[in-house]
Amino acid sequence: GYIIDLPMILVPTLVKAYSRGETWKALASIPAFLVLRVVN
C-alpha cells in the first residue's frame, strides 16, 4: 500500500525530469520523497 500509487507519482515526475535532462536525479530522489510523505 505504501507504493501502490508509485506509478502515478513516477509518470509526471519523470516526464518533467526528462525534459530538464534530470531523469537520473529524479529516480535517485524517489526514496527521499517517500520518506518526506510519511513525515508530512
PDB file of all heavy atoms in Angstrom:
ATOM      1  N   GLY A   1       0.810  -1.217   0.000  1.00  0.00           N
ATOM      2  CA  GLY A   1       0.000   0.000   0.000  1.00  0.00           C
ATOM      3  C   GLY A   1       0.840   1.263   0.000  1.00  0.00           C
ATOM      4  O   GLY A   1       0.375   2.319  -0.436  1.00  0.00           O
ATOM      5  N   TYR A   2       2.076   1.142   0.488  1.00  0.00           N
ATOM      6  CA  TYR A   2       2.952   2.311   0.534  1.00  0.00           C
ATOM      7  C   TYR A   2       3.470   2.703  -0.848  1.00  0.00           C
ATOM      8  O   TYR A   2       3.899   3.839  -1.045  1.00  0.00           O
ATOM      9  CB  TYR A   2       4.138   2.052   1.465  1.00  0.00           C
ATOM     10  CG  TYR A   2       3.766   2.082   2.929  1.00  0.00           C
ATOM     11  CD1 TYR A   2       3.728   0.910   3.680  1.00  0.00           C
ATOM     12  CD2 TYR A   2       3.447   3.277   3.556  1.00  0.00           C
ATOM     13  CE1 TYR A   2       3.384   0.938   5.019  1.00  0.00           C
ATOM     14  CE2 TYR A   2       3.099   3.316   4.896  1.00  0.00           C
ATOM     15  CZ  TYR A   2       3.068   2.143   5.619  1.00  0.00           C
ATOM     16  OH  TYR A   2       2.707   2.182   6.950  1.00  0.00           O
ATOM     17  N   ILE A   3       3.447   1.773  -1.783  1.00  0.00           N
ATOM     18  CA  ILE A   3       3.985   2.082  -3.110  1.00  0.00           C
ATOM     19  C   ILE A   3       2.960   1.858  -4.219  1.00  0.00           C
ATOM     20  O   ILE A   3       3.297   1.938  -5.398  1.00  0.00           O
ATOM     21  CB  ILE A   3       5.248   1.244  -3.417  1.00  0.00           C
ATOM     22  CG1 ILE A   3       4.938  -0.264  -3.348  1.00  0.00           C
ATOM     23  CG2 ILE A   3       6.370   1.600  -2.452  1.00  0.00           C
ATOM     24  CD1 ILE A   3       6.086  -1.131  -3.826  1.00  0.00           C
ATOM     25  N   ILE A   4       1.713   1.589  -3.860  1.00  0.00           N
ATOM     26  CA  ILE A   4       0.706   1.265  -4.870  1.00  0.00           C
ATOM     27  C   ILE A   4       0.448   2.435  -5.815  1.00  0.00           C
ATOM     28  O   ILE A   4       0.064   2.268  -6.969  1.00  0.00           O
ATOM     29  CB  ILE A   4      -0.608   0.804  -4.191  1.00  0.00           C
ATOM     30  CG1 ILE A   4      -1.485   0.066  -5.206  1.00  0.00           C
ATOM     31  CG2 ILE A   4      -1.337   1.985  -3.559  1.00  0.00           C
ATOM     32  CD1 ILE A   4      -2.675  -0.635  -4.580  1.00  0.00           C
ATOM     33  N   ASP A   5       0.651   3.656  -5.304  1.00  0.00           N
ATOM     34  CA  ASP A   5       0.423   4.824  -6.155  1.00  0.00           C
ATOM     35  C   ASP A   5       1.719   5.344  -6.786  1.00  0.00           C
ATOM     36  O   ASP A   5       1.738   6.435  -7.364  1.00  0.00           O
ATOM     37  CB  ASP A   5      -0.244   5.946  -5.357  1.00  0.00           C
ATOM     38  CG  ASP A   5       0.643   6.442  -4.210  1.00  0.00           C
ATOM     39  OD1 ASP A   5       1.600   5.725  -3.851  1.00  0.00           O
ATOM     40  OD2 ASP A   5       0.365   7.538  -3.671  1.00  0.00           O
ATOM     41  N   LEU A   6       2.788   4.553  -6.687  1.00  0.00           N
ATOM     42  CA  LEU A   6       4.085   4.982  -7.208  1.00  0.00           C
ATOM     43  C   LEU A   6       4.058   5.302  -8.714  1.00  0.00           C
ATOM     44  O   LEU A   6       4.675   6.275  -9.144  1.00  0.00           O
ATOM     45  CB  LEU A   6       5.147   3.931  -6.909  1.00  0.00           C
ATOM     46  CG  LEU A   6       6.608   4.403  -6.950  1.00  0.00           C
ATOM     47  CD1 LEU A   6       6.815   5.593  -6.028  1.00  0.00           C
ATOM     48  CD2 LEU A   6       7.549   3.258  -6.569  1.00  0.00           C
ATOM     49  N   PRO A   7       3.339   4.505  -9.535  1.00  0.00           N
ATOM     50  CA  PRO A   7       3.275   4.855 -10.963  1.00  0.00           C
ATOM     51  C   PRO A   7       2.704   6.245 -11.213  1.00  0.00           C
ATOM     52  O   PRO A   7       3.173   6.975 -12.085  1.00  0.00           O
ATOM     53  CB  PRO A   7       2.376   3.771 -11.553  1.00  0.00           C
ATOM     54  CG  PRO A   7       2.576   2.597 -10.649  1.00  0.00           C
ATOM     55  CD  PRO A   7       2.710   3.200  -9.278  1.00  0.00           C
ATOM     56  N   MET A   8       1.690   6.638 -10.439  1.00  0.00           N
ATOM     57  CA  MET A   8       1.079   7.960 -10.599  1.00  0.00           C
ATOM     58  C   MET A   8       2.075   9.060 -10.242  1.00  0.00           C
ATOM     59  O   MET A   8       2.043  10.153 -10.803  1.00  0.00           O
ATOM     60  CB  MET A   8      -0.163   8.080  -9.725  1.00  0.00           C
ATOM     61  CG  MET A   8      -0.972   9.339 -10.002  1.00  0.00           C
ATOM     62  SD  MET A   8      -2.385   9.526  -8.897  1.00  0.00           S
ATOM     63  CE  MET A   8      -1.566  10.073  -7.393  1.00  0.00           C
ATOM     64  N   ILE A   9       2.968   8.750  -9.294  1.00  0.00           N
ATOM     65  CA  ILE A   9       3.993   9.715  -8.902  1.00  0.00           C
ATOM     66  C   ILE A   9       5.104   9.766  -9.945  1.00  0.00           C
ATOM     67  O   ILE A   9       5.579  10.835 -10.334  1.00  0.00           O
ATOM     68  CB  ILE A   9       4.582   9.332  -7.527  1.00  0.00           C
ATOM     69  CG1 ILE A   9       3.507   9.413  -6.443  1.00  0.00           C
ATOM     70  CG2 ILE A   9       5.763  10.228  -7.172  1.00  0.00           C
ATOM     71  CD1 ILE A   9       3.926   8.790  -5.131  1.00  0.00           C
ATOM     72  N   LEU A  10       5.501   8.586 -10.421  1.00  0.00           N
ATOM     73  CA  LEU A  10       6.641   8.495 -11.331  1.00  0.00           C
ATOM     74  C   LEU A  10       6.389   9.136 -12.693  1.00  0.00           C
ATOM     75  O   LEU A  10       7.274   9.796 -13.240  1.00  0.00           O
ATOM     76  CB  LEU A  10       7.028   7.027 -11.531  1.00  0.00           C
ATOM     77  CG  LEU A  10       7.807   6.363 -10.394  1.00  0.00           C
ATOM     78  CD1 LEU A  10       7.960   4.870 -10.649  1.00  0.00           C
ATOM     79  CD2 LEU A  10       9.183   7.016 -10.257  1.00  0.00           C
ATOM     80  N   VAL A  11       5.186   8.946 -13.237  1.00  0.00           N
ATOM     81  CA  VAL A  11       4.934   9.410 -14.605  1.00  0.00           C
ATOM     82  C   VAL A  11       5.131  10.912 -14.768  1.00  0.00           C
ATOM     83  O   VAL A  11       5.974  11.351 -15.564  1.00  0.00           O
ATOM     84  CB  VAL A  11       3.539   8.967 -15.092  1.00  0.00           C
ATOM     85  CG1 VAL A  11       3.214   9.631 -16.433  1.00  0.00           C
ATOM     86  CG2 VAL A  11       3.482   7.452 -15.239  1.00  0.00           C
ATOM     87  N   PRO A  12       4.382  11.761 -14.025  1.00  0.00           N
ATOM     88  CA  PRO A  12       4.598  13.206 -14.211  1.00  0.00           C
ATOM     89  C   PRO A  12       5.987  13.661 -13.775  1.00  0.00           C
ATOM     90  O   PRO A  12       6.571  14.563 -14.376  1.00  0.00           O
ATOM     91  CB  PRO A  12       3.508  13.851 -13.343  1.00  0.00           C
ATOM     92  CG  PRO A  12       3.133  12.808 -12.347  1.00  0.00           C
ATOM     93  CD  PRO A  12       3.310  11.510 -13.051  1.00  0.00           C
ATOM     94  N   THR A  13       6.525  13.000 -12.739  1.00  0.00           N
ATOM     95  CA  THR A  13       7.848  13.367 -12.249  1.00  0.00           C
ATOM     96  C   THR A  13       8.919  13.117 -13.294  1.00  0.00           C
ATOM     97  O   THR A  13       9.753  13.984 -13.587  1.00  0.00           O
ATOM     98  CB  THR A  13       8.186  12.578 -10.967  1.00  0.00           C
ATOM     99  OG1 THR A  13       7.246  12.905  -9.950  1.00  0.00           O
ATOM    100  CG2 THR A  13       9.581  12.910 -10.475  1.00  0.00           C
ATOM    101  N   LEU A  14       8.900  11.923 -13.879  1.00  0.00           N
ATOM    102  CA  LEU A  14       9.930  11.570 -14.858  1.00  0.00           C
ATOM    103  C   LEU A  14       9.738  12.295 -16.187  1.00  0.00           C
ATOM    104  O   LEU A  14      10.718  12.581 -16.885  1.00  0.00           O
ATOM    105  CB  LEU A  14       9.949  10.055 -15.065  1.00  0.00           C
ATOM    106  CG  LEU A  14      10.397   9.237 -13.845  1.00  0.00           C
ATOM    107  CD1 LEU A  14      10.400   7.753 -14.165  1.00  0.00           C
ATOM    108  CD2 LEU A  14      11.786   9.685 -13.382  1.00  0.00           C
ATOM    109  N   VAL A  15       8.488  12.581 -16.540  1.00  0.00           N
ATOM    110  CA  VAL A  15       8.250  13.344 -17.768  1.00  0.00           C
ATOM    111  C   VAL A  15       8.903  14.715 -17.661  1.00  0.00           C
ATOM    112  O   VAL A  15       9.609  15.170 -18.574  1.00  0.00           O
ATOM    113  CB  VAL A  15       6.740  13.479 -18.038  1.00  0.00           C
ATOM    114  CG1 VAL A  15       6.481  14.552 -19.100  1.00  0.00           C
ATOM    115  CG2 VAL A  15       6.149  12.152 -18.494  1.00  0.00           C
ATOM    116  N   LYS A  16       8.675  15.389 -16.535  1.00  0.00           N
ATOM    117  CA  LYS A  16       9.262  16.710 -16.346  1.00  0.00           C
ATOM    118  C   LYS A  16      10.775  16.624 -16.180  1.00  0.00           C
ATOM    119  O   LYS A  16      11.523  17.454 -16.719  1.00  0.00           O
ATOM    120  CB  LYS A  16       8.644  17.386 -15.123  1.00  0.00           C
ATOM    121  CG  LYS A  16       9.064  18.852 -14.953  1.00  0.00           C
ATOM    122  CD  LYS A  16       8.600  19.673 -16.134  1.00  0.00           C
ATOM    123  CE  LYS A  16       8.974  21.126 -15.974  1.00  0.00           C
ATOM    124  NZ  LYS A  16       8.512  21.945 -17.126  1.00  0.00           N
ATOM    125  N   ALA A  17      11.235  15.622 -15.426  1.00  0.00           N
ATOM    126  CA  ALA A  17      12.677  15.460 -15.221  1.00  0.00           C
ATOM    127  C   ALA A  17      13.388  15.200 -16.549  1.00  0.00           C
ATOM    128  O   ALA A  17      14.482  15.737 -16.792  1.00  0.00           O
ATOM    129  CB  ALA A  17      12.937  14.318 -14.244  1.00  0.00           C
ATOM    130  N   TYR A  18      12.790  14.403 -17.412  1.00  0.00           N
ATOM    131  CA  TYR A  18      13.390  14.113 -18.713  1.00  0.00           C
ATOM    132  C   TYR A  18      13.528  15.381 -19.546  1.00  0.00           C
ATOM    133  O   TYR A  18      14.560  15.609 -20.196  1.00  0.00           O
ATOM    134  CB  TYR A  18      12.544  13.081 -19.457  1.00  0.00           C
ATOM    135  CG  TYR A  18      13.064  12.761 -20.843  1.00  0.00           C
ATOM    136  CD1 TYR A  18      14.140  11.903 -21.018  1.00  0.00           C
ATOM    137  CD2 TYR A  18      12.464  13.335 -21.974  1.00  0.00           C
ATOM    138  CE1 TYR A  18      14.625  11.611 -22.297  1.00  0.00           C
ATOM    139  CE2 TYR A  18      12.938  13.054 -23.245  1.00  0.00           C
ATOM    140  CZ  TYR A  18      14.014  12.192 -23.406  1.00  0.00           C
ATOM    141  OH  TYR A  18      14.496  11.922 -24.660  1.00  0.00           O
ATOM    142  N   SER A  19      12.497  16.217 -19.517  1.00  0.00           N
ATOM    143  CA  SER A  19      12.540  17.459 -20.296  1.00  0.00           C
ATOM    144  C   SER A  19      13.627  18.407 -19.786  1.00  0.00           C
ATOM    145  O   SER A  19      14.112  19.262 -20.519  1.00  0.00           O
ATOM    146  CB  SER A  19      11.182  18.158 -20.259  1.00  0.00           C
ATOM    147  OG  SER A  19      10.915  18.703 -18.969  1.00  0.00           O
ATOM    148  N   ARG A  20      14.018  18.235 -18.518  1.00  0.00           N
ATOM    149  CA  ARG A  20      15.054  19.063 -17.912  1.00  0.00           C
ATOM    150  C   ARG A  20      16.420  18.378 -17.943  1.00  0.00           C
ATOM    151  O   ARG A  20      17.394  18.931 -17.435  1.00  0.00           O
ATOM    152  CB  ARG A  20      14.689  19.385 -16.455  1.00  0.00           C
ATOM    153  CG  ARG A  20      13.466  20.273 -16.301  1.00  0.00           C
ATOM    154  CD  ARG A  20      13.104  20.467 -14.818  1.00  0.00           C
ATOM    155  NE  ARG A  20      14.252  20.930 -14.048  1.00  0.00           N
ATOM    156  CZ  ARG A  20      14.646  22.204 -13.971  1.00  0.00           C
ATOM    157  NH1 ARG A  20      13.964  23.141 -14.621  1.00  0.00           N
ATOM    158  NH2 ARG A  20      15.688  22.544 -13.242  1.00  0.00           N
ATOM    159  N   GLY A  21      16.479  17.174 -18.503  1.00  0.00           N
ATOM    160  CA  GLY A  21      17.727  16.423 -18.528  1.00  0.00           C
ATOM    161  C   GLY A  21      18.134  15.938 -17.146  1.00  0.00           C
ATOM    162  O   GLY A  21      19.337  15.818 -16.857  1.00  0.00           O
ATOM    163  N   GLU A  22      17.144  15.626 -16.291  1.00  0.00           N
ATOM    164  CA  GLU A  22      17.418  15.249 -14.903  1.00  0.00           C
ATOM    165  C   GLU A  22      16.772  13.916 -14.521  1.00  0.00           C
ATOM    166  O   GLU A  22      16.382  13.705 -13.377  1.00  0.00           O
ATOM    167  CB  GLU A  22      16.920  16.359 -13.963  1.00  0.00           C
ATOM    168  CG  GLU A  22      17.597  17.697 -14.181  1.00  0.00           C
ATOM    169  CD  GLU A  22      16.973  18.833 -13.376  1.00  0.00           C
ATOM    170  OE1 GLU A  22      15.904  18.599 -12.753  1.00  0.00           O
ATOM    171  OE2 GLU A  22      17.542  19.929 -13.357  1.00  0.00           O
ATOM    172  N   THR A  23      16.656  13.014 -15.480  1.00  0.00           N
ATOM    173  CA  THR A  23      15.959  11.746 -15.228  1.00  0.00           C
ATOM    174  C   THR A  23      16.575  10.967 -14.079  1.00  0.00           C
ATOM    175  O   THR A  23      15.879  10.503 -13.165  1.00  0.00           O
ATOM    176  CB  THR A  23      15.965  10.871 -16.500  1.00  0.00           C
ATOM    177  OG1 THR A  23      15.361  11.598 -17.574  1.00  0.00           O
ATOM    178  CG2 THR A  23      15.195   9.579 -16.260  1.00  0.00           C
ATOM    179  N   TRP A  24      17.902  10.821 -14.077  1.00  0.00           N
ATOM    180  CA  TRP A  24      18.549  10.024 -13.035  1.00  0.00           C
ATOM    181  C   TRP A  24      18.473  10.716 -11.684  1.00  0.00           C
ATOM    182  O   TRP A  24      18.349  10.057 -10.644  1.00  0.00           O
ATOM    183  CB  TRP A  24      20.005   9.733 -13.417  1.00  0.00           C
ATOM    184  CG  TRP A  24      20.126   8.784 -14.583  1.00  0.00           C
ATOM    185  CD1 TRP A  24      20.590   9.050 -15.829  1.00  0.00           C
ATOM    186  CD2 TRP A  24      19.709   7.409 -14.593  1.00  0.00           C
ATOM    187  NE1 TRP A  24      20.506   7.935 -16.635  1.00  0.00           N
ATOM    188  CE2 TRP A  24      19.965   6.906 -15.899  1.00  0.00           C
ATOM    189  CE3 TRP A  24      19.151   6.556 -13.635  1.00  0.00           C
ATOM    190  CZ2 TRP A  24      19.683   5.604 -16.267  1.00  0.00           C
ATOM    191  CZ3 TRP A  24      18.868   5.244 -13.997  1.00  0.00           C
ATOM    192  CH2 TRP A  24      19.135   4.776 -15.299  1.00  0.00           C
ATOM    193  N   LYS A  25      18.530  12.025 -11.694  1.00  0.00           N
ATOM    194  CA  LYS A  25      18.383  12.757 -10.427  1.00  0.00           C
ATOM    195  C   LYS A  25      16.999  12.497  -9.823  1.00  0.00           C
ATOM    196  O   LYS A  25      16.865  12.275  -8.623  1.00  0.00           O
ATOM    197  CB  LYS A  25      18.569  14.257 -10.648  1.00  0.00           C
ATOM    198  CG  LYS A  25      18.416  15.076  -9.364  1.00  0.00           C
ATOM    199  CD  LYS A  25      18.271  16.572  -9.623  1.00  0.00           C
ATOM    200  CE  LYS A  25      19.571  17.181 -10.078  1.00  0.00           C
ATOM    201  NZ  LYS A  25      19.477  18.670 -10.148  1.00  0.00           N
ATOM    202  N   ALA A  26      15.971  12.500 -10.670  1.00  0.00           N
ATOM    203  CA  ALA A  26      14.612  12.254 -10.194  1.00  0.00           C
ATOM    204  C   ALA A  26      14.447  10.832  -9.675  1.00  0.00           C
ATOM    205  O   ALA A  26      13.866  10.605  -8.607  1.00  0.00           O
ATOM    206  CB  ALA A  26      13.614  12.537 -11.312  1.00  0.00           C
ATOM    207  N   LEU A  27      14.964   9.859 -10.425  1.00  0.00           N
ATOM    208  CA  LEU A  27      14.858   8.460  -9.987  1.00  0.00           C
ATOM    209  C   LEU A  27      15.563   8.243  -8.651  1.00  0.00           C
ATOM    210  O   LEU A  27      15.042   7.554  -7.759  1.00  0.00           O
ATOM    211  CB  LEU A  27      15.460   7.544 -11.051  1.00  0.00           C
ATOM    212  CG  LEU A  27      14.590   7.248 -12.275  1.00  0.00           C
ATOM    213  CD1 LEU A  27      15.389   6.485 -13.329  1.00  0.00           C
ATOM    214  CD2 LEU A  27      13.354   6.439 -11.862  1.00  0.00           C
ATOM    215  N   ALA A  28      16.742   8.837  -8.508  1.00  0.00           N
ATOM    216  CA  ALA A  28      17.502   8.685  -7.266  1.00  0.00           C
ATOM    217  C   ALA A  28      16.832   9.378  -6.091  1.00  0.00           C
ATOM    218  O   ALA A  28      17.116   9.051  -4.932  1.00  0.00           O
ATOM    219  CB  ALA A  28      18.920   9.237  -7.462  1.00  0.00           C
ATOM    220  N   SER A  29      15.929  10.313  -6.384  1.00  0.00           N
ATOM    221  CA  SER A  29      15.284  11.089  -5.321  1.00  0.00           C
ATOM    222  C   SER A  29      13.939  10.523  -4.878  1.00  0.00           C
ATOM    223  O   SER A  29      13.380  10.979  -3.876  1.00  0.00           O
ATOM    224  CB  SER A  29      15.091  12.542  -5.785  1.00  0.00           C
ATOM    225  OG  SER A  29      16.322  13.151  -6.098  1.00  0.00           O
ATOM    226  N   ILE A  30      13.420   9.529  -5.593  1.00  0.00           N
ATOM    227  CA  ILE A  30      12.108   8.957  -5.245  1.00  0.00           C
ATOM    228  C   ILE A  30      12.063   8.417  -3.813  1.00  0.00           C
ATOM    229  O   ILE A  30      11.107   8.674  -3.075  1.00  0.00           O
ATOM    230  CB  ILE A  30      11.724   7.845  -6.246  1.00  0.00           C
ATOM    231  CG1 ILE A  30      11.423   8.450  -7.621  1.00  0.00           C
ATOM    232  CG2 ILE A  30      10.510   7.058  -5.747  1.00  0.00           C
ATOM    233  CD1 ILE A  30      10.221   9.345  -7.673  1.00  0.00           C
ATOM    234  N   PRO A  31      13.071   7.650  -3.351  1.00  0.00           N
ATOM    235  CA  PRO A  31      13.027   7.173  -1.964  1.00  0.00           C
ATOM    236  C   PRO A  31      12.929   8.319  -0.953  1.00  0.00           C
ATOM    237  O   PRO A  31      12.238   8.197   0.068  1.00  0.00           O
ATOM    238  CB  PRO A  31      14.348   6.410  -1.812  1.00  0.00           C
ATOM    239  CG  PRO A  31      14.680   5.962  -3.196  1.00  0.00           C
ATOM    240  CD  PRO A  31      14.245   7.084  -4.076  1.00  0.00           C
ATOM    241  N   ALA A  32      13.602   9.428  -1.227  1.00  0.00           N
ATOM    242  CA  ALA A  32      13.543  10.583  -0.324  1.00  0.00           C
ATOM    243  C   ALA A  32      12.132  11.160  -0.281  1.00  0.00           C
ATOM    244  O   ALA A  32      11.651  11.590   0.772  1.00  0.00           O
ATOM    245  CB  ALA A  32      14.545  11.657  -0.774  1.00  0.00           C
ATOM    246  N   PHE A  33      11.455  11.158  -1.425  1.00  0.00           N
ATOM    247  CA  PHE A  33      10.072  11.639  -1.459  1.00  0.00           C
ATOM    248  C   PHE A  33       9.168  10.771  -0.602  1.00  0.00           C
ATOM    249  O   PHE A  33       8.285  11.280   0.100  1.00  0.00           O
ATOM    250  CB  PHE A  33       9.550  11.654  -2.900  1.00  0.00           C
ATOM    251  CG  PHE A  33       8.068  11.867  -2.988  1.00  0.00           C
ATOM    252  CD1 PHE A  33       7.517  13.130  -2.781  1.00  0.00           C
ATOM    253  CD2 PHE A  33       7.218  10.803  -3.253  1.00  0.00           C
ATOM    254  CE1 PHE A  33       6.147  13.325  -2.847  1.00  0.00           C
ATOM    255  CE2 PHE A  33       5.848  10.985  -3.317  1.00  0.00           C
ATOM    256  CZ  PHE A  33       5.307  12.254  -3.116  1.00  0.00           C
ATOM    257  N   LEU A  34       9.376   9.447  -0.638  1.00  0.00           N
ATOM    258  CA  LEU A  34       8.552   8.549   0.171  1.00  0.00           C
ATOM    259  C   LEU A  34       8.745   8.821   1.657  1.00  0.00           C
ATOM    260  O   LEU A  34       7.789   8.753   2.445  1.00  0.00           O
ATOM    261  CB  LEU A  34       8.893   7.093  -0.163  1.00  0.00           C
ATOM    262  CG  LEU A  34       8.615   6.667  -1.615  1.00  0.00           C
ATOM    263  CD1 LEU A  34       9.060   5.229  -1.842  1.00  0.00           C
ATOM    264  CD2 LEU A  34       7.147   6.835  -1.962  1.00  0.00           C
ATOM    265  N   VAL A  35       9.981   9.129   2.049  1.00  0.00           N
ATOM    266  CA  VAL A  35      10.250   9.489   3.443  1.00  0.00           C
ATOM    267  C   VAL A  35       9.549  10.804   3.790  1.00  0.00           C
ATOM    268  O   VAL A  35       8.894  10.927   4.839  1.00  0.00           O
ATOM    269  CB  VAL A  35      11.769   9.626   3.693  1.00  0.00           C
ATOM    270  CG1 VAL A  35      12.030  10.167   5.101  1.00  0.00           C
ATOM    271  CG2 VAL A  35      12.463   8.287   3.504  1.00  0.00           C
ATOM    272  N   LEU A  36       9.665  11.784   2.910  1.00  0.00           N
ATOM    273  CA  LEU A  36       9.040  13.087   3.152  1.00  0.00           C
ATOM    274  C   LEU A  36       7.528  12.950   3.269  1.00  0.00           C
ATOM    275  O   LEU A  36       6.896  13.613   4.098  1.00  0.00           O
ATOM    276  CB  LEU A  36       9.393  14.047   2.015  1.00  0.00           C
ATOM    277  CG  LEU A  36       8.775  15.454   2.101  1.00  0.00           C
ATOM    278  CD1 LEU A  36       9.230  16.182   3.359  1.00  0.00           C
ATOM    279  CD2 LEU A  36       9.141  16.274   0.856  1.00  0.00           C
ATOM    280  N   ARG A  37       6.942  12.064   2.469  1.00  0.00           N
ATOM    281  CA  ARG A  37       5.492  11.881   2.514  1.00  0.00           C
ATOM    282  C   ARG A  37       5.038  11.323   3.860  1.00  0.00           C
ATOM    283  O   ARG A  37       4.002  11.751   4.395  1.00  0.00           O
ATOM    284  CB  ARG A  37       5.043  10.954   1.371  1.00  0.00           C
ATOM    285  CG  ARG A  37       3.541  10.808   1.295  1.00  0.00           C
ATOM    286  CD  ARG A  37       3.092  10.228  -0.019  1.00  0.00           C
ATOM    287  NE  ARG A  37       3.545   8.860  -0.224  1.00  0.00           N
ATOM    288  CZ  ARG A  37       3.066   8.078  -1.200  1.00  0.00           C
ATOM    289  NH1 ARG A  37       2.174   8.538  -2.049  1.00  0.00           N
ATOM    290  NH2 ARG A  37       3.522   6.855  -1.334  1.00  0.00           N
ATOM    291  N   VAL A  38       5.801  10.397   4.411  1.00  0.00           N
ATOM    292  CA  VAL A  38       5.460   9.858   5.725  1.00  0.00           C
ATOM    293  C   VAL A  38       5.533  10.946   6.791  1.00  0.00           C
ATOM    294  O   VAL A  38       4.631  11.093   7.627  1.00  0.00           O
ATOM    295  CB  VAL A  38       6.399   8.686   6.094  1.00  0.00           C
ATOM    296  CG1 VAL A  38       6.186   8.265   7.538  1.00  0.00           C
ATOM    297  CG2 VAL A  38       6.168   7.503   5.165  1.00  0.00           C
ATOM    298  N   VAL A  39       6.603  11.718   6.762  1.00  0.00           N
ATOM    299  CA  VAL A  39       6.778  12.798   7.735  1.00  0.00           C
ATOM    300  C   VAL A  39       5.670  13.836   7.596  1.00  0.00           C
ATOM    301  O   VAL A  39       5.097  14.300   8.589  1.00  0.00           O
ATOM    302  CB  VAL A  39       8.161  13.465   7.562  1.00  0.00           C
ATOM    303  CG1 VAL A  39       8.279  14.707   8.438  1.00  0.00           C
ATOM    304  CG2 VAL A  39       9.267  12.474   7.900  1.00  0.00           C
ATOM    305  N   ASN A  40       5.346  14.178   6.363  1.00  0.00           N
ATOM    306  CA  ASN A  40       4.302  15.168   6.112  1.00  0.00           C
ATOM    307  C   ASN A  40       2.950  14.691   6.639  1.00  0.00           C
ATOM    308  O   ASN A  40       2.185  15.464   7.220  1.00  0.00           O
ATOM    309  CB  ASN A  40       4.209  15.461   4.608  1.00  0.00           C
ATOM    310  CG  ASN A  40       3.410  16.710   4.301  1.00  0.00           C
ATOM    311  OD1 ASN A  40       3.308  17.621   5.120  1.00  0.00           O
ATOM    312  ND2 ASN A  40       2.829  16.757   3.121  1.00  0.00           N
TER     313      ASN A  40
END
